[in-house]
C-alpha atoms as a PDB file:
ATOM      1  CA  MET A   1    -121.523  56.830-166.473  1.00  0.00           C
ATOM      2  CA  ASN A   2    -124.236  56.330-163.895  1.00  0.00           C
ATOM      3  CA  LEU A   3    -126.937  58.896-164.743  1.00  0.00           C
ATOM      4  CA  TYR A   4    -128.476  58.637-161.278  1.00  0.00           C
ATOM      5  CA  LYS A   5    -125.307  59.046-159.226  1.00  0.00           C
ATOM      6  CA  LYS A   6    -123.134  61.355-161.345  1.00  0.00           C
ATOM      7  CA  ILE A   7    -125.579  64.104-162.357  1.00  0.00           C
ATOM      8  CA  PRO A   8    -126.686  66.591-159.688  1.00  0.00           C
ATOM      9  CA  ALA A   9    -130.390  67.171-159.034  1.00  0.00           C
ATOM     10  CA  TYR A  10    -130.088  70.892-159.708  1.00  0.00           C
ATOM     11  CA  HIS A  11    -128.450  72.378-162.751  1.00  0.00           C
ATOM     12  CA  ASP A  12    -128.917  75.809-161.165  1.00  0.00           C
ATOM     13  CA  LYS A  13    -130.608  75.858-157.769  1.00  0.00           C
ATOM     14  CA  LYS A  14    -130.849  79.668-157.601  1.00  0.00           C
ATOM     15  CA  GLU A  15    -132.788  79.695-160.897  1.00  0.00           C
ATOM     16  CA  GLY A  16    -134.825  76.593-159.950  1.00  0.00           C
ATOM     17  CA  ILE A  17    -133.518  74.548-162.876  1.00  0.00           C
ATOM     18  CA  VAL A  18    -133.400  70.797-162.265  1.00  0.00           C
ATOM     19  CA  ASN A  19    -131.768  68.084-164.325  1.00  0.00           C
ATOM     20  CA  VAL A  20    -134.164  65.374-165.459  1.00  0.00           C
ATOM     21  CA  VAL A  21    -133.311  62.037-167.067  1.00  0.00           C
ATOM     22  CA  ILE A  22    -135.884  60.295-169.233  1.00  0.00           C
ATOM     23  CA  ASP A  23    -137.046  56.802-168.357  1.00  0.00           C
ATOM     24  CA  ILE A  24    -140.077  56.507-170.611  1.00  0.00           C
ATOM     25  CA  PRO A  25    -140.716  58.369-173.881  1.00  0.00           C
ATOM     26  CA  LYS A  26    -144.059  60.021-174.548  1.00  0.00           C
ATOM     27  CA  TRP A  27    -146.626  57.627-176.099  1.00  0.00           C
ATOM     28  CA  SER A  28    -144.808  54.505-174.903  1.00  0.00           C
ATOM     29  CA  THR A  29    -146.693  51.561-173.447  1.00  0.00           C
ATOM     30  CA  ASN A  30    -143.449  50.116-172.078  1.00  0.00           C
ATOM     31  CA  LYS A  31    -142.477  50.986-168.511  1.00  0.00           C
ATOM     32  CA  TYR A  32    -138.717  51.368-168.504  1.00  0.00           C
ATOM     33  CA  GLU A  33    -136.808  51.928-165.284  1.00  0.00           C
ATOM     34  CA  TYR A  34    -133.262  53.025-164.670  1.00  0.00           C
ATOM     35  CA  ASP A  35    -131.295  50.664-162.441  1.00  0.00           C
ATOM     36  CA  GLU A  36    -129.847  53.226-160.062  1.00  0.00           C
ATOM     37  CA  GLU A  37    -127.176  50.902-158.725  1.00  0.00           C
ATOM     38  CA  TRP A  38    -125.872  49.400-161.979  1.00  0.00           C
ATOM     39  CA  GLY A  39    -126.595  52.304-164.313  1.00  0.00           C
ATOM     40  CA  TYR A  40    -128.665  50.794-167.131  1.00  0.00           C
ATOM     41  CA  PHE A  41    -132.247  50.922-168.372  1.00  0.00           C
ATOM     42  CA  LYS A  42    -134.447  47.861-168.122  1.00  0.00           C
ATOM     43  CA  LEU A  43    -137.953  46.993-169.184  1.00  0.00           C
ATOM     44  CA  ASP A  44    -139.952  46.660-165.973  1.00  0.00           C
ATOM     45  CA  ARG A  45    -143.221  45.725-167.672  1.00  0.00           C
ATOM     46  CA  VAL A  46    -145.728  46.896-170.250  1.00  0.00           C
ATOM     47  CA  ILE A  47    -148.879  48.749-169.305  1.00  0.00           C
ATOM     48  CA  HIS A  48    -151.427  45.974-168.933  1.00  0.00           C
ATOM     49  CA  HIS A  49    -154.129  47.659-170.982  1.00  0.00           C
ATOM     50  CA  SER A  50    -154.554  50.136-173.809  1.00  0.00           C
ATOM     51  CA  MET A  51    -153.013  53.252-172.278  1.00  0.00           C
ATOM     52  CA  PHE A  52    -149.771  55.053-173.016  1.00  0.00           C
ATOM     53  CA  TYR A  53    -147.645  57.631-171.229  1.00  0.00           C
ATOM     54  CA  PRO A  54    -149.160  60.995-172.265  1.00  0.00           C
ATOM     55  CA  PHE A  55    -145.847  62.845-171.705  1.00  0.00           C
ATOM     56  CA  ASP A  56    -142.204  61.932-171.248  1.00  0.00           C
ATOM     57  CA  TYR A  57    -141.626  60.393-167.813  1.00  0.00           C
ATOM     58  CA  TRP A  58    -138.393  61.372-166.120  1.00  0.00           C
ATOM     59  CA  PHE A  59    -136.503  61.134-162.877  1.00  0.00           C
ATOM     60  CA  ILE A  60    -134.369  63.667-161.041  1.00  0.00           C
ATOM     61  CA  PRO A  61    -130.882  62.259-160.445  1.00  0.00           C
ATOM     62  CA  SER A  62    -129.221  62.305-157.013  1.00  0.00           C
ATOM     63  CA  THR A  63    -132.603  62.148-155.237  1.00  0.00           C
ATOM     64  CA  THR A  64    -134.328  59.462-153.172  1.00  0.00           C
ATOM     65  CA  GLU A  65    -138.052  59.458-152.475  1.00  0.00           C
ATOM     66  CA  LEU A  66    -139.843  57.648-149.632  1.00  0.00           C
ATOM     67  CA  ASP A  67    -140.299  54.619-151.921  1.00  0.00           C
ATOM     68  CA  TRP A  68    -136.460  54.519-152.312  1.00  0.00           C
ATOM     69  CA  ASP A  69    -136.597  55.479-156.006  1.00  0.00           C
ATOM     70  CA  ALA A  70    -135.550  58.780-157.539  1.00  0.00           C
ATOM     71  CA  VAL A  71    -138.106  61.589-157.690  1.00  0.00           C
ATOM     72  CA  ASP A  72    -140.535  61.094-160.607  1.00  0.00           C
ATOM     73  CA  VAL A  73    -141.225  63.899-163.073  1.00  0.00           C
ATOM     74  CA  PHE A  74    -143.720  64.283-165.889  1.00  0.00           C
ATOM     75  CA  LEU A  75    -142.220  66.661-168.434  1.00  0.00           C
ATOM     76  CA  LEU A  76    -144.730  68.575-170.526  1.00  0.00           C
ATOM     77  CA  TRP A  77    -142.922  68.425-173.788  1.00  0.00           C
ATOM     78  CA  THR A  78    -143.541  68.844-177.480  1.00  0.00           C
ATOM     79  CA  TYR A  79    -141.970  65.692-178.974  1.00  0.00           C
ATOM     80  CA  PRO A  80    -140.923  62.350-177.496  1.00  0.00           C
ATOM     81  CA  THR A  81    -137.239  61.875-176.719  1.00  0.00           C
ATOM     82  CA  PHE A  82    -135.391  58.693-175.708  1.00  0.00           C
ATOM     83  CA  SER A  83    -134.410  56.837-172.548  1.00  0.00           C
ATOM     84  CA  GLY A  84    -131.278  58.394-171.079  1.00  0.00           C
ATOM     85  CA  CYS A  85    -131.785  61.889-172.506  1.00  0.00           C
ATOM     86  CA  VAL A  86    -130.936  64.610-169.950  1.00  0.00           C
ATOM     87  CA  ILE A  87    -132.868  67.898-170.040  1.00  0.00           C
ATOM     88  CA  LYS A  88    -132.827  71.034-167.917  1.00  0.00           C
ATOM     89  CA  ALA A  89    -136.321  71.841-166.658  1.00  0.00           C
ATOM     90  CA  ARG A  90    -138.407  74.110-164.437  1.00  0.00           C
ATOM     91  CA  LEU A  91    -140.932  72.702-161.984  1.00  0.00           C
ATOM     92  CA  LEU A  92    -144.558  73.853-162.145  1.00  0.00           C
ATOM     93  CA  GLY A  93    -146.158  71.740-159.455  1.00  0.00           C
ATOM     94  CA  VAL A  94    -146.840  68.260-158.224  1.00  0.00           C
ATOM     95  CA  LEU A  95    -149.509  65.592-158.493  1.00  0.00           C
ATOM     96  CA  ASP A  96    -149.780  63.933-155.080  1.00  0.00           C
ATOM     97  CA  VAL A  97    -149.993  60.176-155.554  1.00  0.00           C
ATOM     98  CA  VAL A  98    -149.891  57.317-153.070  1.00  0.00           C
ATOM     99  CA  ASP A  99    -148.641  54.244-154.861  1.00  0.00           C
ATOM    100  CA  GLU A 100    -148.711  50.875-153.115  1.00  0.00           C
ATOM    101  CA  LYS A 101    -148.766  52.454-149.640  1.00  0.00           C
ATOM    102  CA  TRP A 102    -145.915  54.922-150.302  1.00  0.00           C
ATOM    103  CA  GLN A 103    -146.182  58.616-150.965  1.00  0.00           C
ATOM    104  CA  ASP A 104    -144.962  58.842-154.582  1.00  0.00           C
ATOM    105  CA  PRO A 105    -145.376  62.420-155.838  1.00  0.00           C
ATOM    106  CA  LYS A 106    -145.215  63.068-159.577  1.00  0.00           C
ATOM    107  CA  LEU A 107    -143.591  66.419-160.213  1.00  0.00           C
ATOM    108  CA  ILE A 108    -144.691  68.340-163.281  1.00  0.00           C
ATOM    109  CA  ALA A 109    -142.109  70.295-165.247  1.00  0.00           C
ATOM    110  CA  VAL A 110    -141.407  72.023-168.544  1.00  0.00           C
ATOM    111  CA  PRO A 111    -138.115  72.417-170.404  1.00  0.00           C
ATOM    112  CA  ILE A 112    -136.149  75.646-170.061  1.00  0.00           C
ATOM    113  CA  HIS A 113    -136.515  78.305-172.754  1.00  0.00           C
ATOM    114  CA  LYS A 114    -133.288  77.444-174.603  1.00  0.00           C
ATOM    115  CA  ILE A 115    -134.469  73.866-175.127  1.00  0.00           C
ATOM    116  CA  ASP A 116    -138.102  74.518-176.103  1.00  0.00           C
ATOM    117  CA  PRO A 117    -139.607  78.030-175.817  1.00  0.00           C
ATOM    118  CA  ARG A 118    -143.134  76.713-176.493  1.00  0.00           C
ATOM    119  CA  TRP A 119    -143.566  76.186-172.749  1.00  0.00           C
ATOM    120  CA  ASP A 120    -142.395  79.593-171.504  1.00  0.00           C
ATOM    121  CA  GLU A 121    -145.911  80.752-170.558  1.00  0.00           C
ATOM    122  CA  TYR A 122    -146.223  77.821-168.151  1.00  0.00           C
ATOM    123  CA  GLN A 123    -144.920  79.112-164.821  1.00  0.00           C
ATOM    124  CA  TRP A 124    -147.349  77.656-162.269  1.00  0.00           C
ATOM    125  CA  ILE A 125    -149.541  74.575-161.932  1.00  0.00           C
ATOM    126  CA  ASN A 126    -152.602  76.695-162.769  1.00  0.00           C
ATOM    127  CA  ASP A 127    -151.076  77.624-166.138  1.00  0.00           C
ATOM    128  CA  ILE A 128    -151.541  74.016-167.248  1.00  0.00           C
ATOM    129  CA  PRO A 129    -154.827  73.600-169.121  1.00  0.00           C
ATOM    130  CA  LYS A 130    -157.538  71.727-167.239  1.00  0.00           C
ATOM    131  CA  HIS A 131    -157.651  68.957-169.845  1.00  0.00           C
ATOM    132  CA  ILE A 132    -153.926  68.199-169.521  1.00  0.00           C
ATOM    133  CA  LYS A 133    -154.207  68.067-165.729  1.00  0.00           C
ATOM    134  CA  GLU A 134    -157.146  65.673-166.084  1.00  0.00           C
ATOM    135  CA  GLU A 135    -155.065  63.479-168.422  1.00  0.00           C
ATOM    136  CA  LEU A 136    -152.314  63.276-165.811  1.00  0.00           C
ATOM    137  CA  TRP A 137    -154.809  62.556-163.029  1.00  0.00           C
ATOM    138  CA  ILE A 138    -156.587  59.828-164.966  1.00  0.00           C
ATOM    139  CA  PHE A 139    -153.359  58.284-166.198  1.00  0.00           C
ATOM    140  CA  PHE A 140    -151.969  57.812-162.700  1.00  0.00           C
ATOM    141  CA  LYS A 141    -155.271  56.632-161.320  1.00  0.00           C
ATOM    142  CA  GLU A 142    -155.994  54.119-164.085  1.00  0.00           C
ATOM    143  CA  TYR A 143    -152.820  52.836-165.737  1.00  0.00           C
ATOM    144  CA  LYS A 144    -152.484  50.035-163.172  1.00  0.00           C
ATOM    145  CA  LYS A 145    -156.156  49.056-163.365  1.00  0.00           C
ATOM    146  CA  LEU A 146    -155.447  45.543-164.662  1.00  0.00           C
ATOM    147  CA  GLU A 147    -152.674  45.075-162.087  1.00  0.00           C
ATOM    148  CA  THR A 148    -155.289  44.534-159.398  1.00  0.00           C
ATOM    149  CA  LYS A 149    -153.055  44.421-156.311  1.00  0.00           C
ATOM    150  CA  LYS A 150    -151.227  47.610-157.328  1.00  0.00           C
ATOM    151  CA  TYR A 151    -154.397  49.384-158.462  1.00  0.00           C
ATOM    152  CA  GLU A 152    -156.139  48.829-155.134  1.00  0.00           C
ATOM    153  CA  HIS A 153    -153.410  50.837-153.388  1.00  0.00           C
ATOM    154  CA  THR A 154    -153.107  53.728-155.854  1.00  0.00           C
ATOM    155  CA  VAL A 155    -154.694  56.985-154.712  1.00  0.00           C
ATOM    156  CA  VAL A 156    -154.422  60.341-156.484  1.00  0.00           C
ATOM    157  CA  HIS A 157    -154.962  63.209-154.045  1.00  0.00           C
ATOM    158  CA  GLY A 158    -154.610  66.332-156.156  1.00  0.00           C
ATOM    159  CA  PHE A 159    -152.239  68.991-157.397  1.00  0.00           C
ATOM    160  CA  GLY A 160    -149.773  71.019-155.377  1.00  0.00           C
ATOM    161  CA  THR A 161    -147.734  74.138-156.025  1.00  0.00           C
ATOM    162  CA  LYS A 162    -144.295  74.450-157.563  1.00  0.00           C
ATOM    163  CA  TRP A 163    -142.969  75.401-154.118  1.00  0.00           C
ATOM    164  CA  GLU A 164    -144.177  72.025-152.828  1.00  0.00           C
ATOM    165  CA  ALA A 165    -142.461  70.370-155.803  1.00  0.00           C
ATOM    166  CA  TYR A 166    -139.148  72.071-155.009  1.00  0.00           C
ATOM    167  CA  GLU A 167    -139.570  71.086-151.346  1.00  0.00           C
ATOM    168  CA  TYR A 168    -139.951  67.438-152.432  1.00  0.00           C
ATOM    169  CA  VAL A 169    -136.714  67.734-154.417  1.00  0.00           C
ATOM    170  CA  ASP A 170    -134.793  69.303-151.531  1.00  0.00           C
ATOM    171  CA  LYS A 171    -135.934  66.628-149.067  1.00  0.00           C
ATOM    172  CA  ALA A 172    -135.156  63.900-151.622  1.00  0.00           C
ATOM    173  CA  ILE A 173    -131.611  65.243-152.035  1.00  0.00           C
ATOM    174  CA  ILE A 174    -131.090  64.957-148.273  1.00  0.00           C
ATOM    175  CA  ARG A 175    -132.423  61.339-148.314  1.00  0.00           C
ATOM    176  CA  TYR A 176    -130.112  60.559-151.246  1.00  0.00           C
ATOM    177  CA  GLU A 177    -127.077  61.953-149.409  1.00  0.00           C
ATOM    178  CA  LYS A 178    -127.926  59.896-146.286  1.00  0.00           C
ATOM    179  CA  LYS A 179    -128.390  56.762-148.426  1.00  0.00           C
ATOM    180  CA  GLN A 180    -124.935  57.216-149.976  1.00  0.00           C
ATOM    181  CA  LYS A 181    -123.197  57.240-146.577  1.00  0.00           C
END
């Protein structure tokens, strides 16, 4: 089964619940990517210096961003999972990133109550503690530091609202549908 093509972006649009598929487990230094055409995970590269993904890194299936990849999501999450795990989540906001000349927003989400109630109090981007937001900011600004050509083009602009995050998803669904035609 192709996780990118066969799973809808929304589990329940009215409730704002999106489906997310894990690429990279929390604390990994390996950058895995899902091959959206062939439907398998591959090792793209390792982080070139001593950093690790501070949270699970996911994508939203059936979406296409301006960089032609699926929408990226950082899931605030208690324990690491595994590549290919699918979780229902709520969006809290977005970290606006430009990555190698493309707008490449990183949505920020938490699992729904049934999956992990520890995150229920997180409803908005401002509910995320300042330190965690700084971790996300620094990670995306610095993890490509030793990949000089990529690092030179990475800019982190700031955080946006959950409504902006849902708008990114909706536009990415439209791009995905056009790409499939």
